Amino acid sequence: MTQPSFLWIKKPFFTLLEVLVVMMIIASLAVLTGVKLMSAYSEQCFLSETEQVLNHLQMAQDLMILLDTDVTLKFSLEGAVECWLEVEKPLVVRKSDVKEFDPLASLKWSQLVQRHLPLYSIEWVEFKEEGSKSLEESQEGDQRNLCLSFSLGRMPTGKLSLGTSRDNRIRTIHLVGFPCSIKDQEKVKQELEKFTDENKKRQESEILYPQLEPS
């Protein structure tokens, strides 16, 4: 009588060293992904805040034209950076049906327009007028403020630079000194490149297909 033979199957298992290696790889990938996400988040916050500053500049110009008054955009340069608008003429809202002053709506509009905008990602602000001369800073109490005045007689002309010290990010906004669409340096470069490309295409077209002079 033959005895049954047992076949022993060795089950695979992981050693402690292999588990530690896998955990180290996963941790490294998580750290790299987290660093990239933090960098992308910081960059997006900076772009968003600089876009808000650009909108404030455009609003200051529009209020100057619509209300025929002087508007000042101010930046606090000590402590946390903030920007806000100051309108010389009181902001008045009238009811639609009758020409009657609406004090509540006027107060809300004034608070909305002149509210302080905190800039957490922007660490420094600098404005240089044409001729590489820095704009004068006004002293208000214990704070230094950078003031850009928009009036029909005189508007700021130069470059407004916004940046961070940690990541060395800089965004430059061009102010041309007269009412127009306010743009940053990247948009100006894109328009110049587009204009240059159109000129090159037109020159190549003129070379390939010269116009015949009328006889």
C-alpha atoms as a PDB file:
ATOM      1  CA  MET A   1       0.000   0.000   0.000  1.00  0.00           C
ATOM      2  CA  THR A   2       1.521   3.255  -1.106  1.00  0.00           C
ATOM      3  CA  GLN A   3       1.434   6.248   1.196  1.00  0.00           C
ATOM      4  CA  PRO A   4       0.151   9.565  -0.202  1.00  0.00           C
ATOM      5  CA  SER A   5       2.861  12.061  -1.008  1.00  0.00           C
ATOM      6  CA  PHE A   6       2.373  15.662   0.091  1.00  0.00           C
ATOM      7  CA  LEU A   7       3.532  18.484  -2.151  1.00  0.00           C
ATOM      8  CA  TRP A   8       4.635  21.445  -0.151  1.00  0.00           C
ATOM      9  CA  ILE A   9       4.137  24.782  -1.960  1.00  0.00           C
ATOM     10  CA  LYS A  10       6.226  27.678  -0.728  1.00  0.00           C
ATOM     11  CA  LYS A  11       4.069  30.776  -0.595  1.00  0.00           C
ATOM     12  CA  PRO A  12       5.745  34.028  -1.733  1.00  0.00           C
ATOM     13  CA  PHE A  13       6.164  36.706   0.901  1.00  0.00           C
ATOM     14  CA  PHE A  14       7.823  40.137   1.177  1.00  0.00           C
ATOM     15  CA  THR A  15      10.792  40.777   3.373  1.00  0.00           C
ATOM     16  CA  LEU A  16      10.976  43.783   5.642  1.00  0.00           C
ATOM     17  CA  LEU A  17      13.681  45.333   3.442  1.00  0.00           C
ATOM     18  CA  GLU A  18      11.484  45.158   0.353  1.00  0.00           C
ATOM     19  CA  VAL A  19       8.568  46.774   2.213  1.00  0.00           C
ATOM     20  CA  LEU A  20      10.849  49.593   3.404  1.00  0.00           C
ATOM     21  CA  VAL A  21      12.153  50.195  -0.135  1.00  0.00           C
ATOM     22  CA  VAL A  22       8.602  50.434  -1.516  1.00  0.00           C
ATOM     23  CA  MET A  23       7.613  52.807   1.272  1.00  0.00           C
ATOM     24  CA  MET A  24      10.651  55.015   0.552  1.00  0.00           C
ATOM     25  CA  ILE A  25       9.770  55.174  -3.157  1.00  0.00           C
ATOM     26  CA  ILE A  26       6.164  56.122  -2.382  1.00  0.00           C
ATOM     27  CA  ALA A  27       7.294  58.779   0.105  1.00  0.00           C
ATOM     28  CA  SER A  28       9.743  60.254  -2.434  1.00  0.00           C
ATOM     29  CA  LEU A  29       7.047  60.459  -5.101  1.00  0.00           C
ATOM     30  CA  ALA A  30       4.657  62.077  -2.611  1.00  0.00           C
ATOM     31  CA  VAL A  31       7.262  64.694  -1.654  1.00  0.00           C
ATOM     32  CA  LEU A  32       8.026  65.543  -5.295  1.00  0.00           C
ATOM     33  CA  THR A  33       4.316  65.820  -6.131  1.00  0.00           C
ATOM     34  CA  GLY A  34       3.701  67.998  -3.078  1.00  0.00           C
ATOM     35  CA  VAL A  35       6.549  70.367  -3.989  1.00  0.00           C
ATOM     36  CA  LYS A  36       5.243  70.765  -7.524  1.00  0.00           C
ATOM     37  CA  LEU A  37       1.702  71.354  -6.295  1.00  0.00           C
ATOM     38  CA  MET A  38       2.869  73.987  -3.803  1.00  0.00           C
ATOM     39  CA  SER A  39       4.907  75.735  -6.493  1.00  0.00           C
ATOM     40  CA  ALA A  40       1.953  75.743  -8.904  1.00  0.00           C
ATOM     41  CA  TYR A  41      -0.363  77.018  -6.146  1.00  0.00           C
ATOM     42  CA  SER A  42       2.051  79.818  -5.216  1.00  0.00           C
ATOM     43  CA  GLU A  43       2.448  80.846  -8.856  1.00  0.00           C
ATOM     44  CA  GLN A  44      -1.316  80.884  -9.412  1.00  0.00           C
ATOM     45  CA  CYS A  45      -1.862  83.010  -6.286  1.00  0.00           C
ATOM     46  CA  PHE A  46       0.758  85.491  -7.501  1.00  0.00           C
ATOM     47  CA  LEU A  47      -0.809  85.728 -10.962  1.00  0.00           C
ATOM     48  CA  SER A  48      -4.276  86.142  -9.459  1.00  0.00           C
ATOM     49  CA  GLU A  49      -3.195  88.998  -7.178  1.00  0.00           C
ATOM     50  CA  THR A  50      -1.285  90.798  -9.924  1.00  0.00           C
ATOM     51  CA  GLU A  51      -4.392  90.507 -12.095  1.00  0.00           C
ATOM     52  CA  GLN A  52      -6.396  92.155  -9.305  1.00  0.00           C
ATOM     53  CA  VAL A  53      -3.879  95.010  -9.202  1.00  0.00           C
ATOM     54  CA  LEU A  54      -4.238  95.357 -12.964  1.00  0.00           C
ATOM     55  CA  ASN A  55      -8.028  95.557 -12.544  1.00  0.00           C
ATOM     56  CA  HIS A  56      -7.618  98.253  -9.873  1.00  0.00           C
ATOM     57  CA  LEU A  57      -5.466 100.298 -12.225  1.00  0.00           C
ATOM     58  CA  GLN A  58      -8.068  99.979 -14.963  1.00  0.00           C
ATOM     59  CA  MET A  59     -10.834 100.900 -12.493  1.00  0.00           C
ATOM     60  CA  ALA A  60      -8.926 104.004 -11.379  1.00  0.00           C
ATOM     61  CA  GLN A  61      -8.627 105.128 -14.987  1.00  0.00           C
ATOM     62  CA  ASP A  62     -12.302 104.419 -15.728  1.00  0.00           C
ATOM     63  CA  LEU A  63     -13.519 106.269 -12.615  1.00  0.00           C
ATOM     64  CA  MET A  64     -11.321 109.223 -13.532  1.00  0.00           C
ATOM     65  CA  ILE A  65     -12.955 109.433 -16.967  1.00  0.00           C
ATOM     66  CA  LEU A  66     -16.563 108.677 -15.941  1.00  0.00           C
ATOM     67  CA  LEU A  67     -16.708 110.869 -12.830  1.00  0.00           C
ATOM     68  CA  ASP A  68     -14.302 113.573 -14.034  1.00  0.00           C
ATOM     69  CA  THR A  69     -12.357 113.428 -10.794  1.00  0.00           C
ATOM     70  CA  ASP A  70      -8.947 112.536  -9.438  1.00  0.00           C
ATOM     71  CA  VAL A  71      -8.415 108.930  -8.372  1.00  0.00           C
ATOM     72  CA  THR A  72      -5.377 107.618  -6.461  1.00  0.00           C
ATOM     73  CA  LEU A  73      -4.242 104.020  -6.247  1.00  0.00           C
ATOM     74  CA  LYS A  74      -2.209 103.472  -3.100  1.00  0.00           C
ATOM     75  CA  PHE A  75       0.062 100.622  -1.989  1.00  0.00           C
ATOM     76  CA  SER A  76       1.171 100.147   1.610  1.00  0.00           C
ATOM     77  CA  LEU A  77       4.892  99.397   1.651  1.00  0.00           C
ATOM     78  CA  GLU A  78       5.342  98.506   5.328  1.00  0.00           C
ATOM     79  CA  GLY A  79       4.174  95.215   6.746  1.00  0.00           C
ATOM     80  CA  ALA A  80       1.630  93.340   4.635  1.00  0.00           C
ATOM     81  CA  VAL A  81       1.221  94.802   1.158  1.00  0.00           C
ATOM     82  CA  GLU A  82      -2.234  96.235   0.453  1.00  0.00           C
ATOM     83  CA  CYS A  83      -3.725  98.352  -2.300  1.00  0.00           C
ATOM     84  CA  TRP A  84      -6.819 100.502  -2.367  1.00  0.00           C
ATOM     85  CA  LEU A  85      -8.445 103.335  -4.304  1.00  0.00           C
ATOM     86  CA  GLU A  86      -9.166 106.831  -3.062  1.00  0.00           C
ATOM     87  CA  VAL A  87     -11.650 108.919  -5.066  1.00  0.00           C
ATOM     88  CA  GLU A  88     -11.616 112.687  -4.583  1.00  0.00           C
ATOM     89  CA  LYS A  89     -15.265 113.202  -5.558  1.00  0.00           C
ATOM     90  CA  PRO A  90     -17.907 111.454  -3.387  1.00  0.00           C
ATOM     91  CA  LEU A  91     -19.425 108.413  -5.047  1.00  0.00           C
ATOM     92  CA  VAL A  92     -23.135 109.119  -5.486  1.00  0.00           C
ATOM     93  CA  VAL A  93     -25.825 106.660  -6.568  1.00  0.00           C
ATOM     94  CA  ARG A  94     -29.231 107.939  -7.633  1.00  0.00           C
ATOM     95  CA  LYS A  95     -32.469 106.008  -7.882  1.00  0.00           C
ATOM     96  CA  SER A  96     -33.460 104.864 -11.351  1.00  0.00           C
ATOM     97  CA  ASP A  97     -37.000 106.240 -11.370  1.00  0.00           C
ATOM     98  CA  VAL A  98     -36.287 109.685  -9.885  1.00  0.00           C
ATOM     99  CA  LYS A  99     -33.162 111.795  -9.601  1.00  0.00           C
ATOM    100  CA  GLU A 100     -32.966 111.295  -5.874  1.00  0.00           C
ATOM    101  CA  PHE A 101     -29.855 110.568  -3.851  1.00  0.00           C
ATOM    102  CA  ASP A 102     -29.700 107.028  -2.464  1.00  0.00           C
ATOM    103  CA  PRO A 103     -27.459 107.176   0.646  1.00  0.00           C
ATOM    104  CA  LEU A 104     -27.394 103.439   1.352  1.00  0.00           C
ATOM    105  CA  ALA A 105     -26.445 102.477  -2.195  1.00  0.00           C
ATOM    106  CA  SER A 106     -23.848 105.279  -2.304  1.00  0.00           C
ATOM    107  CA  LEU A 107     -22.291 104.070   0.935  1.00  0.00           C
ATOM    108  CA  LYS A 108     -22.120 100.464  -0.307  1.00  0.00           C
ATOM    109  CA  TRP A 109     -20.603 101.521  -3.624  1.00  0.00           C
ATOM    110  CA  SER A 110     -18.025 103.687  -1.865  1.00  0.00           C
ATOM    111  CA  GLN A 111     -17.084 100.834   0.466  1.00  0.00           C
ATOM    112  CA  LEU A 112     -16.838  98.406  -2.447  1.00  0.00           C
ATOM    113  CA  VAL A 113     -14.677 100.670  -4.595  1.00  0.00           C
ATOM    114  CA  GLN A 114     -12.385 101.945  -1.824  1.00  0.00           C
ATOM    115  CA  ARG A 115     -11.978  98.747   0.170  1.00  0.00           C
ATOM    116  CA  HIS A 116      -8.458  97.593   1.013  1.00  0.00           C
ATOM    117  CA  LEU A 117      -7.224  94.613  -0.978  1.00  0.00           C
ATOM    118  CA  PRO A 118      -4.634  92.507   0.920  1.00  0.00           C
ATOM    119  CA  LEU A 119      -1.875  91.052  -1.272  1.00  0.00           C
ATOM    120  CA  TYR A 120      -0.411  87.978   0.398  1.00  0.00           C
ATOM    121  CA  SER A 121       1.721  86.681  -2.500  1.00  0.00           C
ATOM    122  CA  ILE A 122       3.153  90.070  -3.547  1.00  0.00           C
ATOM    123  CA  GLU A 123       6.050  91.015  -1.264  1.00  0.00           C
ATOM    124  CA  TRP A 124       7.298  94.227  -2.852  1.00  0.00           C
ATOM    125  CA  VAL A 125       6.011  96.962  -5.168  1.00  0.00           C
ATOM    126  CA  GLU A 126       8.120  99.419  -7.158  1.00  0.00           C
ATOM    127  CA  PHE A 127       7.258 102.104  -9.687  1.00  0.00           C
ATOM    128  CA  LYS A 128       9.794 103.784 -11.967  1.00  0.00           C
ATOM    129  CA  GLU A 129       8.832 106.736 -14.070  1.00  0.00           C
ATOM    130  CA  GLU A 130      10.283 107.357 -17.500  1.00  0.00           C
ATOM    131  CA  GLY A 131      13.854 108.478 -17.118  1.00  0.00           C
ATOM    132  CA  SER A 132      14.588 105.754 -14.467  1.00  0.00           C
ATOM    133  CA  LYS A 133      13.371 107.951 -11.629  1.00  0.00           C
ATOM    134  CA  SER A 134      11.477 106.409  -8.716  1.00  0.00           C
ATOM    135  CA  LEU A 135       8.085 107.786  -7.811  1.00  0.00           C
ATOM    136  CA  GLU A 136       7.889 109.756  -4.590  1.00  0.00           C
ATOM    137  CA  GLU A 137       6.438 107.945  -1.603  1.00  0.00           C
ATOM    138  CA  SER A 138       3.921 109.673   0.632  1.00  0.00           C
ATOM    139  CA  GLN A 139       4.141 109.380   4.391  1.00  0.00           C
ATOM    140  CA  GLU A 140       0.836 108.733   6.158  1.00  0.00           C
ATOM    141  CA  GLY A 141       1.146 108.210   9.891  1.00  0.00           C
ATOM    142  CA  ASP A 142       3.569 105.360  10.505  1.00  0.00           C
ATOM    143  CA  GLN A 143       3.172 103.823   7.053  1.00  0.00           C
ATOM    144  CA  ARG A 144       4.846 104.545   3.743  1.00  0.00           C
ATOM    145  CA  ASN A 145       2.482 104.452   0.799  1.00  0.00           C
ATOM    146  CA  LEU A 146       3.231 104.352  -2.905  1.00  0.00           C
ATOM    147  CA  CYS A 147       0.678 106.608  -4.643  1.00  0.00           C
ATOM    148  CA  LEU A 148      -0.296 106.537  -8.325  1.00  0.00           C
ATOM    149  CA  SER A 149      -2.523 109.515  -9.137  1.00  0.00           C
ATOM    150  CA  PHE A 150      -4.901 109.394 -12.087  1.00  0.00           C
ATOM    151  CA  SER A 151      -6.146 112.801 -13.239  1.00  0.00           C
ATOM    152  CA  LEU A 152      -7.101 114.194 -16.631  1.00  0.00           C
ATOM    153  CA  GLY A 153      -4.174 116.599 -16.459  1.00  0.00           C
ATOM    154  CA  ARG A 154      -1.537 114.076 -15.470  1.00  0.00           C
ATOM    155  CA  MET A 155      -1.396 110.284 -15.356  1.00  0.00           C
ATOM    156  CA  PRO A 156       1.498 108.066 -14.223  1.00  0.00           C
ATOM    157  CA  THR A 157       3.980 107.119 -16.930  1.00  0.00           C
ATOM    158  CA  GLY A 158       6.402 104.277 -16.320  1.00  0.00           C
ATOM    159  CA  LYS A 159       6.631 100.683 -15.160  1.00  0.00           C
ATOM    160  CA  LEU A 160       4.937  99.226 -12.097  1.00  0.00           C
ATOM    161  CA  SER A 161       6.767  96.110 -10.892  1.00  0.00           C
ATOM    162  CA  LEU A 162       5.204  93.550  -8.554  1.00  0.00           C
ATOM    163  CA  GLY A 163       7.288  90.694  -7.244  1.00  0.00           C
ATOM    164  CA  THR A 164       8.210  88.137  -4.612  1.00  0.00           C
ATOM    165  CA  SER A 165      11.555  87.668  -2.894  1.00  0.00           C
ATOM    166  CA  ARG A 166      11.249  83.924  -2.306  1.00  0.00           C
ATOM    167  CA  ASP A 167      10.558  82.679  -5.849  1.00  0.00           C
ATOM    168  CA  ASN A 168      11.945  85.718  -7.714  1.00  0.00           C
ATOM    169  CA  ARG A 169       8.675  86.205  -9.583  1.00  0.00           C
ATOM    170  CA  ILE A 170       8.228  89.627 -11.198  1.00  0.00           C
ATOM    171  CA  ARG A 171       5.332  91.026 -13.200  1.00  0.00           C
ATOM    172  CA  THR A 172       5.667  94.424 -14.858  1.00  0.00           C
ATOM    173  CA  ILE A 173       2.722  96.629 -15.835  1.00  0.00           C
ATOM    174  CA  HIS A 174       3.208  99.443 -18.332  1.00  0.00           C
ATOM    175  CA  LEU A 175       1.536 102.807 -17.744  1.00  0.00           C
ATOM    176  CA  VAL A 176       1.726 105.040 -20.799  1.00  0.00           C
ATOM    177  CA  GLY A 177       0.429 108.318 -19.317  1.00  0.00           C
ATOM    178  CA  PHE A 178      -2.864 108.593 -21.205  1.00  0.00           C
ATOM    179  CA  PRO A 179      -6.200 106.719 -21.094  1.00  0.00           C
ATOM    180  CA  CYS A 180      -5.849 103.339 -22.780  1.00  0.00           C
ATOM    181  CA  SER A 181      -6.046  99.642 -22.059  1.00  0.00           C
ATOM    182  CA  ILE A 182      -3.549  98.878 -19.285  1.00  0.00           C
ATOM    183  CA  LYS A 183      -1.429  95.796 -20.015  1.00  0.00           C
ATOM    184  CA  ASP A 184       1.453  93.920 -18.495  1.00  0.00           C
ATOM    185  CA  GLN A 185       4.826  93.255 -20.091  1.00  0.00           C
ATOM    186  CA  GLU A 186       3.934  89.757 -21.328  1.00  0.00           C
ATOM    187  CA  LYS A 187       0.882  91.002 -23.249  1.00  0.00           C
ATOM    188  CA  VAL A 188       2.923  93.833 -24.750  1.00  0.00           C
ATOM    189  CA  LYS A 189       5.558  91.302 -25.878  1.00  0.00           C
ATOM    190  CA  GLN A 190       2.889  89.077 -27.423  1.00  0.00           C
ATOM    191  CA  GLU A 191       1.389  91.988 -29.329  1.00  0.00           C
ATOM    192  CA  LEU A 192       4.825  93.100 -30.537  1.00  0.00           C
ATOM    193  CA  GLU A 193       5.649  89.559 -31.681  1.00  0.00           C
ATOM    194  CA  LYS A 194       2.307  89.309 -33.454  1.00  0.00           C
ATOM    195  CA  PHE A 195       2.882  92.677 -35.119  1.00  0.00           C
ATOM    196  CA  THR A 196       6.409  91.591 -36.153  1.00  0.00           C
ATOM    197  CA  ASP A 197       5.120  88.285 -37.582  1.00  0.00           C
ATOM    198  CA  GLU A 198       2.458  90.101 -39.592  1.00  0.00           C
ATOM    199  CA  ASN A 199       5.071  92.480 -40.994  1.00  0.00           C
ATOM    200  CA  LYS A 200       7.334  89.552 -41.947  1.00  0.00           C
ATOM    201  CA  LYS A 201       4.457  87.771 -43.694  1.00  0.00           C
ATOM    202  CA  ARG A 202       3.534  90.933 -45.554  1.00  0.00           C
ATOM    203  CA  GLN A 203       7.145  91.470 -46.680  1.00  0.00           C
ATOM    204  CA  GLU A 204       7.427  87.842 -47.842  1.00  0.00           C
ATOM    205  CA  SER A 205       4.158  88.200 -49.721  1.00  0.00           C
ATOM    206  CA  GLU A 206       5.385  91.374 -51.412  1.00  0.00           C
ATOM    207  CA  ILE A 207       8.596  89.603 -52.446  1.00  0.00           C
ATOM    208  CA  LEU A 208       6.778  86.533 -53.809  1.00  0.00           C
ATOM    209  CA  TYR A 209       3.964  88.484 -55.443  1.00  0.00           C
ATOM    210  CA  PRO A 210       5.241  91.944 -56.326  1.00  0.00           C
ATOM    211  CA  GLN A 211       2.591  94.439 -57.321  1.00  0.00           C
ATOM    212  CA  LEU A 212       2.841  95.638 -60.884  1.00  0.00           C
ATOM    213  CA  GLU A 213       3.111  99.392 -61.312  1.00  0.00           C
ATOM    214  CA  PRO A 214       0.417 100.860 -63.561  1.00  0.00           C
ATOM    215  CA  SER A 215       1.777 101.735 -66.974  1.00  0.00           C
END
